[in-house]
Each structure stands twice: as C-alpha cells, then as structure tokens.
C-alpha cells in the first residue's frame, strides 16, 4: 500500500462534486404547503381562544348565545 500515492481531497472544482451538486439540486423536493380549502360562508370553525375571565363573564351574563355575541363583537372589531 505504500506504493500508492496519497489520495487528494475533492475540491469544489472537482467534476464529481459538481455533478453531485447538480443532481441534488434537480432531485431535491421542495415542500409545498397544502392548498387552503375554500370554506362556505357562515360555516364556523372550532378554535381554542383564551379570553380574560371578566370579558367571558360579561358575555355569559346575557345567557345562552354568548358565543355568538363574542363572534359578533369580534366581527365588528375586524370591520366586517
């Protein structure tokens, strides 16, 4: 084994390195976000929302329908 010359390290200009880089570039998959689903108007989505206790008590004091009242207040605040 002493008769063999030492291997030189590959450099950026090495043809093999360039070929591997080109292959990797064209075969790498790009992550694509899933398309946003179209939602019919008026369909509600369940979410978790943290609201201050006093604000929650204010809306619940009006009886049933407090979630709709919160939704209406948020819609008004959003300018819709």
N, C-alpha and C. Protein backbone atom coordinates (compact mmCIF):
# COMPACT_ATOMS: atom_id res chain seq x y z
N UNK A 1 0.81 -1.20 0.00
CA UNK A 1 0.00 0.00 0.00
C UNK A 1 0.85 1.27 0.00
N UNK A 2 2.05 1.15 0.40
CA UNK A 2 2.92 2.30 0.41
C UNK A 2 3.27 2.75 -1.00
N UNK A 3 3.05 1.88 -2.00
CA UNK A 3 3.37 2.22 -3.37
C UNK A 3 2.35 3.17 -4.00
N UNK A 4 1.15 3.25 -3.41
CA UNK A 4 0.11 4.10 -3.99
C UNK A 4 0.29 5.54 -3.51
N UNK A 5 0.10 6.48 -4.41
CA UNK A 5 0.21 7.89 -3.98
C UNK A 5 -1.00 8.23 -3.10
N UNK A 6 -0.84 9.14 -2.17
CA UNK A 6 -1.97 9.52 -1.30
C UNK A 6 -3.09 10.15 -2.12
N UNK A 7 -4.32 9.88 -1.72
CA UNK A 7 -5.46 10.47 -2.42
C UNK A 7 -5.56 11.94 -2.08
N UNK A 8 -5.84 12.71 -3.09
CA UNK A 8 -6.03 14.13 -2.82
C UNK A 8 -7.51 14.38 -2.51
N UNK A 9 -7.80 15.28 -1.63
CA UNK A 9 -9.21 15.55 -1.29
C UNK A 9 -9.92 16.19 -2.46
N UNK A 10 -11.22 15.92 -2.55
CA UNK A 10 -12.02 16.54 -3.61
C UNK A 10 -12.15 18.02 -3.34
N UNK A 11 -12.17 18.78 -4.37
CA UNK A 11 -12.34 20.22 -4.24
C UNK A 11 -13.64 20.63 -4.92
N UNK A 12 -14.01 21.87 -4.74
CA UNK A 12 -15.26 22.37 -5.35
C UNK A 12 -15.21 22.30 -6.86
N UNK A 13 -14.03 22.37 -7.45
CA UNK A 13 -13.90 22.32 -8.89
C UNK A 13 -13.89 20.91 -9.44
N UNK A 14 -13.93 19.93 -8.55
CA UNK A 14 -13.90 18.53 -8.95
C UNK A 14 -15.17 18.20 -9.74
N UNK A 15 -15.02 17.50 -10.85
CA UNK A 15 -16.16 17.18 -11.72
C UNK A 15 -17.20 16.35 -10.98
N UNK A 16 -16.77 15.42 -10.15
CA UNK A 16 -17.71 14.57 -9.42
C UNK A 16 -18.52 15.40 -8.43
N UNK A 17 -17.85 16.30 -7.73
CA UNK A 17 -18.54 17.16 -6.78
C UNK A 17 -19.56 18.04 -7.49
N UNK A 18 -19.18 18.57 -8.63
CA UNK A 18 -20.10 19.40 -9.40
C UNK A 18 -21.30 18.60 -9.89
N UNK A 19 -21.06 17.37 -10.33
CA UNK A 19 -22.15 16.52 -10.81
C UNK A 19 -23.10 16.16 -9.67
N UNK A 20 -22.54 15.84 -8.50
CA UNK A 20 -23.39 15.51 -7.35
C UNK A 20 -24.22 16.71 -6.93
N UNK A 21 -23.63 17.89 -6.94
CA UNK A 21 -24.36 19.11 -6.58
C UNK A 21 -25.48 19.38 -7.57
N UNK A 22 -25.20 19.20 -8.86
CA UNK A 22 -26.23 19.43 -9.88
C UNK A 22 -27.36 18.42 -9.74
N UNK A 23 -27.02 17.15 -9.47
CA UNK A 23 -28.03 16.11 -9.31
C UNK A 23 -28.90 16.40 -8.09
N UNK A 24 -28.25 16.77 -7.00
CA UNK A 24 -29.00 17.07 -5.77
C UNK A 24 -29.94 18.25 -5.98
N UNK A 25 -29.47 19.24 -6.74
CA UNK A 25 -30.27 20.44 -6.98
C UNK A 25 -31.57 20.12 -7.73
N UNK A 26 -31.50 19.23 -8.71
CA UNK A 26 -32.69 18.93 -9.51
C UNK A 26 -33.55 17.83 -8.92
N UNK A 27 -33.03 17.08 -7.94
CA UNK A 27 -33.82 15.99 -7.37
C UNK A 27 -34.37 16.32 -5.99
N UNK A 28 -33.99 17.44 -5.41
CA UNK A 28 -34.48 17.81 -4.09
C UNK A 28 -35.93 18.27 -4.21
N UNK A 29 -36.78 17.68 -3.38
CA UNK A 29 -38.20 18.06 -3.40
C UNK A 29 -38.42 19.29 -2.53
N UNK A 30 -39.17 20.23 -3.04
CA UNK A 30 -39.50 21.43 -2.31
C UNK A 30 -40.83 21.20 -1.61
N UNK A 31 -40.86 21.48 -0.31
CA UNK A 31 -42.09 21.31 0.45
C UNK A 31 -43.10 22.35 0.01
N UNK A 32 -44.28 21.90 -0.36
CA UNK A 32 -45.34 22.79 -0.81
C UNK A 32 -46.46 22.75 0.23
N UNK A 33 -46.90 23.91 0.65
CA UNK A 33 -47.99 23.98 1.61
C UNK A 33 -49.27 23.47 0.96
N UNK A 34 -50.07 22.73 1.72
CA UNK A 34 -51.32 22.24 1.13
C UNK A 34 -52.23 23.43 0.79
N UNK A 35 -53.00 23.31 -0.27
CA UNK A 35 -53.87 24.43 -0.64
C UNK A 35 -54.93 24.66 0.42
N UNK A 36 -55.22 25.93 0.66
CA UNK A 36 -56.23 26.27 1.65
C UNK A 36 -57.60 25.90 1.10
N UNK A 37 -58.35 25.20 1.92
CA UNK A 37 -59.67 24.76 1.48
C UNK A 37 -60.64 25.93 1.49
N UNK A 38 -61.47 25.99 0.47
CA UNK A 38 -62.50 27.02 0.42
C UNK A 38 -63.60 26.65 1.40
N UNK A 39 -63.95 27.61 2.22
CA UNK A 39 -64.97 27.38 3.22
C UNK A 39 -66.22 28.14 2.81
N UNK A 40 -67.34 27.47 2.93
CA UNK A 40 -68.61 28.12 2.60
C UNK A 40 -68.88 29.23 3.61
N UNK A 41 -69.47 30.33 3.17
CA UNK A 41 -69.77 31.43 4.10
C UNK A 41 -70.71 30.97 5.20
N UNK A 42 -70.44 31.43 6.40
CA UNK A 42 -71.31 31.10 7.52
C UNK A 42 -70.94 29.82 8.24
N UNK A 43 -69.96 29.08 7.73
CA UNK A 43 -69.55 27.86 8.39
C UNK A 43 -68.58 28.24 9.51
N UNK A 44 -68.82 27.73 10.70
CA UNK A 44 -67.99 28.08 11.85
C UNK A 44 -66.91 27.03 12.05
N UNK A 45 -65.79 27.48 12.54
CA UNK A 45 -64.65 26.61 12.79
C UNK A 45 -64.37 26.60 14.29
N UNK A 46 -64.16 25.42 14.84
CA UNK A 46 -63.88 25.31 16.26
C UNK A 46 -62.42 25.66 16.52
N UNK A 47 -62.21 26.58 17.47
CA UNK A 47 -60.86 27.01 17.86
C UNK A 47 -60.78 27.08 19.37
N UNK A 48 -59.57 27.16 19.87
CA UNK A 48 -59.36 27.41 21.29
C UNK A 48 -58.90 28.85 21.41
N UNK A 49 -59.55 29.59 22.29
CA UNK A 49 -59.28 31.01 22.43
C UNK A 49 -59.19 31.35 23.90
N UNK A 50 -58.16 32.04 24.30
CA UNK A 50 -58.01 32.45 25.70
C UNK A 50 -58.54 33.88 25.85
N UNK A 51 -59.53 34.03 26.73
CA UNK A 51 -60.17 35.32 26.96
C UNK A 51 -60.10 35.61 28.44
N UNK A 52 -59.89 36.87 28.79
CA UNK A 52 -59.88 37.25 30.21
C UNK A 52 -61.21 36.87 30.86
N UNK A 53 -61.13 36.48 32.11
CA UNK A 53 -62.31 35.97 32.83
C UNK A 53 -63.43 37.00 32.88
N UNK A 54 -63.08 38.27 33.12
CA UNK A 54 -64.13 39.29 33.22
C UNK A 54 -64.85 39.49 31.87
N UNK A 55 -64.13 39.37 30.77
CA UNK A 55 -64.75 39.50 29.45
C UNK A 55 -65.68 38.32 29.21
N UNK A 56 -65.24 37.13 29.55
CA UNK A 56 -66.07 35.94 29.38
C UNK A 56 -67.33 36.03 30.22
N UNK A 57 -67.20 36.46 31.47
CA UNK A 57 -68.37 36.60 32.35
C UNK A 57 -69.35 37.63 31.79
N UNK A 58 -68.83 38.70 31.18
CA UNK A 58 -69.70 39.73 30.59
C UNK A 58 -70.59 39.12 29.51
N UNK A 59 -70.01 38.34 28.61
CA UNK A 59 -70.79 37.74 27.53
C UNK A 59 -71.69 36.63 28.04
N UNK A 60 -71.24 35.86 29.03
CA UNK A 60 -72.06 34.76 29.56
C UNK A 60 -73.22 35.27 30.41
N UNK A 61 -73.11 36.49 30.93
CA UNK A 61 -74.18 37.05 31.76
C UNK A 61 -75.46 37.24 30.95
N UNK A 62 -75.36 37.35 29.66
CA UNK A 62 -76.53 37.54 28.81
C UNK A 62 -77.27 36.25 28.52
N UNK A 63 -76.81 35.13 29.07
CA UNK A 63 -77.49 33.86 28.86
C UNK A 63 -76.95 33.12 27.64
N UNK A 64 -77.76 32.18 27.17
CA UNK A 64 -77.31 31.37 26.04
C UNK A 64 -77.09 32.25 24.81
N UNK A 65 -76.22 31.79 23.94
CA UNK A 65 -75.87 32.57 22.75
C UNK A 65 -74.66 33.45 22.98
N UNK A 66 -73.96 33.26 24.10
CA UNK A 66 -72.81 34.10 24.41
C UNK A 66 -71.69 33.93 23.39
N UNK A 67 -71.55 32.74 22.84
CA UNK A 67 -70.51 32.54 21.83
C UNK A 67 -70.82 33.34 20.56
N UNK A 68 -72.10 33.38 20.19
CA UNK A 68 -72.50 34.17 19.03
C UNK A 68 -72.26 35.66 19.28
N UNK A 69 -72.50 36.11 20.51
CA UNK A 69 -72.26 37.52 20.84
C UNK A 69 -70.77 37.86 20.77
N UNK A 70 -69.93 36.93 21.24
CA UNK A 70 -68.48 37.16 21.12
C UNK A 70 -68.09 37.22 19.64
N UNK A 71 -68.65 36.32 18.85
CA UNK A 71 -68.36 36.31 17.41
C UNK A 71 -68.78 37.62 16.76
N UNK A 72 -69.96 38.12 17.12
CA UNK A 72 -70.44 39.38 16.57
C UNK A 72 -69.52 40.54 16.97
N UNK A 73 -69.07 40.55 18.23
CA UNK A 73 -68.17 41.61 18.69
C UNK A 73 -66.84 41.56 17.97
N UNK A 74 -66.32 40.36 17.75
CA UNK A 74 -65.06 40.21 17.02
C UNK A 74 -65.23 40.62 15.56
N UNK A 75 -66.36 40.28 14.96
CA UNK A 75 -66.62 40.66 13.58
C UNK A 75 -66.68 42.19 13.45
N UNK A 76 -67.32 42.85 14.42
CA UNK A 76 -67.42 44.32 14.41
C UNK A 76 -66.03 44.92 14.58
N UNK A 77 -65.23 44.35 15.48
CA UNK A 77 -63.87 44.88 15.71
C UNK A 77 -62.99 44.69 14.48
N UNK A 78 -63.26 43.62 13.70
CA UNK A 78 -62.49 43.36 12.49
C UNK A 78 -62.98 44.22 11.31
N UNK A 79 -64.07 44.97 11.52
CA UNK A 79 -64.59 45.83 10.47
C UNK A 79 -65.37 45.09 9.41
N UNK A 80 -65.97 44.00 9.78
CA UNK A 80 -66.75 43.21 8.81
C UNK A 80 -68.22 43.24 9.14
